[in-house]
Amino acid sequence: MAASADCFYLEFAVRRCCLQCGFSVTESDRVCPKCDAQLLLQTDGSTTTFDIAHGKQRIHEAIEQLRSAVAQHQRSTTQFLRVVVGGDRIRHAALQELRVMQSHGTIFQFGQDDRNRGALMIVLKRPE
């Protein structure tokens, strides 16, 4: 019975690969069991776009979506998070929240997206 329980767990565990050695790891692993690489620092240089301004969100809902997106993508290999914030109150609140995140070390840095004034670019991980 224990073997089937293990198979059940492995079937639903989120798996990914260490970018340094290619070893299969779970989302909860912080260090690669094979090469000891810090998994949370690994990045493939990708950018993910996320919109928090055009779904009729209230400000507090948009900020919760921002926090959730940052937390989710920090566990992945995504390096940049492009957040569409619009040009008014949500943008102002997002900038305040990102300043706090940066001061706490949650994000590396952030700034204006060069292609869209209504979007911000967040650097989640330092490039290696």
C-alpha atoms as a PDB file:
ATOM      1  CA  MET A   1       0.000   0.000   0.000  1.00  0.00           C
ATOM      2  CA  ALA A   2       2.864   2.391   0.760  1.00  0.00           C
ATOM      3  CA  ALA A   3       4.218   2.045  -2.775  1.00  0.00           C
ATOM      4  CA  SER A   4       0.934   3.178  -4.287  1.00  0.00           C
ATOM      5  CA  ALA A   5       0.799   6.146  -1.891  1.00  0.00           C
ATOM      6  CA  ASP A   6       4.308   7.151  -3.017  1.00  0.00           C
ATOM      7  CA  CYS A   7       3.270   6.847  -6.659  1.00  0.00           C
ATOM      8  CA  PHE A   8       0.202   8.972  -5.958  1.00  0.00           C
ATOM      9  CA  TYR A   9       2.370  11.675  -4.374  1.00  0.00           C
ATOM     10  CA  LEU A  10       4.895  11.665  -7.213  1.00  0.00           C
ATOM     11  CA  GLU A  11       2.157  11.781  -9.819  1.00  0.00           C
ATOM     12  CA  PHE A  12       0.826  15.082  -8.497  1.00  0.00           C
ATOM     13  CA  ALA A  13       4.074  16.715  -7.334  1.00  0.00           C
ATOM     14  CA  VAL A  14       5.050  19.687  -9.499  1.00  0.00           C
ATOM     15  CA  ARG A  15       8.360  18.795 -11.144  1.00  0.00           C
ATOM     16  CA  ARG A  16      10.988  20.906 -12.806  1.00  0.00           C
ATOM     17  CA  CYS A  17      14.660  20.539 -13.660  1.00  0.00           C
ATOM     18  CA  CYS A  18      17.767  22.075 -12.161  1.00  0.00           C
ATOM     19  CA  LEU A  19      19.131  24.425 -14.831  1.00  0.00           C
ATOM     20  CA  GLN A  20      22.705  23.629 -13.808  1.00  0.00           C
ATOM     21  CA  CYS A  21      22.707  19.811 -14.004  1.00  0.00           C
ATOM     22  CA  GLY A  22      19.275  18.869 -15.409  1.00  0.00           C
ATOM     23  CA  PHE A  23      18.282  16.768 -12.385  1.00  0.00           C
ATOM     24  CA  SER A  24      14.512  16.513 -11.782  1.00  0.00           C
ATOM     25  CA  VAL A  25      13.415  18.387  -8.630  1.00  0.00           C
ATOM     26  CA  THR A  26      10.086  19.328  -7.046  1.00  0.00           C
ATOM     27  CA  GLU A  27       8.756  22.842  -6.590  1.00  0.00           C
ATOM     28  CA  SER A  28       9.364  22.634  -2.844  1.00  0.00           C
ATOM     29  CA  ASP A  29      13.091  21.837  -3.248  1.00  0.00           C
ATOM     30  CA  ARG A  30      15.326  24.814  -2.499  1.00  0.00           C
ATOM     31  CA  VAL A  31      18.639  23.101  -3.286  1.00  0.00           C
ATOM     32  CA  CYS A  32      19.317  20.574  -6.036  1.00  0.00           C
ATOM     33  CA  PRO A  33      19.943  17.181  -4.414  1.00  0.00           C
ATOM     34  CA  LYS A  34      22.474  16.303  -7.134  1.00  0.00           C
ATOM     35  CA  CYS A  35      24.658  19.417  -7.598  1.00  0.00           C
ATOM     36  CA  ASP A  36      23.689  21.582  -4.556  1.00  0.00           C
ATOM     37  CA  ALA A  37      22.704  24.537  -6.778  1.00  0.00           C
ATOM     38  CA  GLN A  38      20.383  27.120  -5.194  1.00  0.00           C
ATOM     39  CA  LEU A  39      17.197  26.490  -7.199  1.00  0.00           C
ATOM     40  CA  LEU A  40      15.425  29.718  -6.233  1.00  0.00           C
ATOM     41  CA  LEU A  41      18.296  31.743  -7.726  1.00  0.00           C
ATOM     42  CA  GLN A  42      18.224  29.965 -11.091  1.00  0.00           C
ATOM     43  CA  THR A  43      16.690  31.801 -14.038  1.00  0.00           C
ATOM     44  CA  ASP A  44      16.238  31.104 -17.715  1.00  0.00           C
ATOM     45  CA  GLY A  45      15.964  34.836 -18.491  1.00  0.00           C
ATOM     46  CA  SER A  46      12.285  34.652 -19.440  1.00  0.00           C
ATOM     47  CA  THR A  47       9.658  37.368 -19.024  1.00  0.00           C
ATOM     48  CA  THR A  48       6.054  36.753 -17.979  1.00  0.00           C
ATOM     49  CA  THR A  49       3.364  39.405 -18.529  1.00  0.00           C
ATOM     50  CA  PHE A  50       0.564  39.828 -16.010  1.00  0.00           C
ATOM     51  CA  ASP A  51      -2.317  42.359 -16.124  1.00  0.00           C
ATOM     52  CA  ILE A  52      -3.685  43.749 -12.848  1.00  0.00           C
ATOM     53  CA  ALA A  53      -5.449  46.806 -14.260  1.00  0.00           C
ATOM     54  CA  HIS A  54      -7.987  45.806 -16.868  1.00  0.00           C
ATOM     55  CA  GLY A  55     -10.243  43.336 -15.084  1.00  0.00           C
ATOM     56  CA  LYS A  56     -12.189  45.990 -13.153  1.00  0.00           C
ATOM     57  CA  GLN A  57     -10.152  45.237 -10.024  1.00  0.00           C
ATOM     58  CA  ARG A  58     -10.318  47.438  -6.989  1.00  0.00           C
ATOM     59  CA  ILE A  59      -6.952  48.737  -5.847  1.00  0.00           C
ATOM     60  CA  HIS A  60      -6.594  46.260  -2.983  1.00  0.00           C
ATOM     61  CA  GLU A  61      -7.496  43.378  -5.328  1.00  0.00           C
ATOM     62  CA  ALA A  62      -4.905  44.495  -7.864  1.00  0.00           C
ATOM     63  CA  ILE A  63      -2.212  44.694  -5.176  1.00  0.00           C
ATOM     64  CA  GLU A  64      -3.117  41.197  -3.962  1.00  0.00           C
ATOM     65  CA  GLN A  65      -2.793  39.968  -7.559  1.00  0.00           C
ATOM     66  CA  LEU A  66       0.613  41.669  -7.776  1.00  0.00           C
ATOM     67  CA  ARG A  67       1.820  40.028  -4.546  1.00  0.00           C
ATOM     68  CA  SER A  68       0.537  36.653  -5.694  1.00  0.00           C
ATOM     69  CA  ALA A  69       2.190  36.948  -9.120  1.00  0.00           C
ATOM     70  CA  VAL A  70       5.536  37.916  -7.574  1.00  0.00           C
ATOM     71  CA  ALA A  71       5.388  35.024  -5.093  1.00  0.00           C
ATOM     72  CA  GLN A  72       4.384  32.530  -7.789  1.00  0.00           C
ATOM     73  CA  HIS A  73       7.061  33.560 -10.269  1.00  0.00           C
ATOM     74  CA  GLN A  74       9.851  33.723  -7.699  1.00  0.00           C
ATOM     75  CA  ARG A  75       9.516  29.948  -7.335  1.00  0.00           C
ATOM     76  CA  SER A  76       9.845  29.486 -11.099  1.00  0.00           C
ATOM     77  CA  THR A  77      12.763  30.189 -13.438  1.00  0.00           C
ATOM     78  CA  THR A  78      11.196  33.459 -14.641  1.00  0.00           C
ATOM     79  CA  GLN A  79      13.604  36.390 -14.314  1.00  0.00           C
ATOM     80  CA  PHE A  80      11.345  39.296 -15.293  1.00  0.00           C
ATOM     81  CA  LEU A  81       7.709  39.994 -14.524  1.00  0.00           C
ATOM     82  CA  ARG A  82       6.023  42.568 -16.759  1.00  0.00           C
ATOM     83  CA  VAL A  83       2.963  43.903 -14.923  1.00  0.00           C
ATOM     84  CA  VAL A  84       0.336  45.938 -16.770  1.00  0.00           C
ATOM     85  CA  VAL A  85      -0.839  48.523 -14.226  1.00  0.00           C
ATOM     86  CA  GLY A  86      -2.579  51.189 -16.302  1.00  0.00           C
ATOM     87  CA  GLY A  87      -1.925  54.852 -15.741  1.00  0.00           C
ATOM     88  CA  ASP A  88      -3.742  55.922 -12.600  1.00  0.00           C
ATOM     89  CA  ARG A  89      -4.519  54.693  -9.081  1.00  0.00           C
ATOM     90  CA  ILE A  90      -3.538  51.052  -9.522  1.00  0.00           C
ATOM     91  CA  ARG A  91      -0.209  52.175 -10.985  1.00  0.00           C
ATOM     92  CA  HIS A  92       0.446  54.466  -8.017  1.00  0.00           C
ATOM     93  CA  ALA A  93      -0.428  51.723  -5.500  1.00  0.00           C
ATOM     94  CA  ALA A  94       1.683  49.159  -7.404  1.00  0.00           C
ATOM     95  CA  LEU A  95       4.697  51.488  -7.341  1.00  0.00           C
ATOM     96  CA  GLN A  96       4.323  51.911  -3.578  1.00  0.00           C
ATOM     97  CA  GLU A  97       4.044  48.145  -3.076  1.00  0.00           C
ATOM     98  CA  LEU A  98       7.066  47.467  -5.290  1.00  0.00           C
ATOM     99  CA  ARG A  99       9.154  49.971  -3.293  1.00  0.00           C
ATOM    100  CA  VAL A 100       8.282  48.038  -0.132  1.00  0.00           C
ATOM    101  CA  MET A 101       9.070  44.700  -1.820  1.00  0.00           C
ATOM    102  CA  GLN A 102      12.419  46.030  -2.997  1.00  0.00           C
ATOM    103  CA  SER A 103      13.310  47.393   0.449  1.00  0.00           C
ATOM    104  CA  HIS A 104      12.540  43.971   1.971  1.00  0.00           C
ATOM    105  CA  GLY A 105      14.571  42.161  -0.694  1.00  0.00           C
ATOM    106  CA  THR A 106      11.523  40.391  -2.127  1.00  0.00           C
ATOM    107  CA  ILE A 107      12.346  41.680  -5.628  1.00  0.00           C
ATOM    108  CA  PHE A 108      15.677  42.755  -7.078  1.00  0.00           C
ATOM    109  CA  GLN A 109      14.520  45.954  -8.814  1.00  0.00           C
ATOM    110  CA  PHE A 110      11.716  47.440 -10.906  1.00  0.00           C
ATOM    111  CA  GLY A 111      11.085  50.232 -13.395  1.00  0.00           C
ATOM    112  CA  GLN A 112       9.003  51.573 -16.251  1.00  0.00           C
ATOM    113  CA  ASP A 113       8.505  49.298 -19.260  1.00  0.00           C
ATOM    114  CA  ASP A 114      10.130  51.073 -22.222  1.00  0.00           C
ATOM    115  CA  ARG A 115       7.432  49.919 -24.654  1.00  0.00           C
ATOM    116  CA  ASN A 116       4.346  50.744 -22.585  1.00  0.00           C
ATOM    117  CA  ARG A 117       3.875  53.562 -20.063  1.00  0.00           C
ATOM    118  CA  GLY A 118       1.080  51.545 -18.456  1.00  0.00           C
ATOM    119  CA  ALA A 119       3.364  48.633 -17.568  1.00  0.00           C
ATOM    120  CA  LEU A 120       6.174  48.038 -15.086  1.00  0.00           C
ATOM    121  CA  MET A 121       9.098  45.623 -15.375  1.00  0.00           C
ATOM    122  CA  ILE A 122      10.105  43.765 -12.221  1.00  0.00           C
ATOM    123  CA  VAL A 123      13.452  42.003 -11.972  1.00  0.00           C
ATOM    124  CA  LEU A 124      12.760  39.031  -9.718  1.00  0.00           C
ATOM    125  CA  LYS A 125      16.254  37.541  -9.740  1.00  0.00           C
ATOM    126  CA  ARG A 126      19.725  38.940 -10.250  1.00  0.00           C
ATOM    127  CA  PRO A 127      21.216  37.863 -13.574  1.00  0.00           C
ATOM    128  CA  GLU A 128      24.079  35.405 -13.068  1.00  0.00           C
END
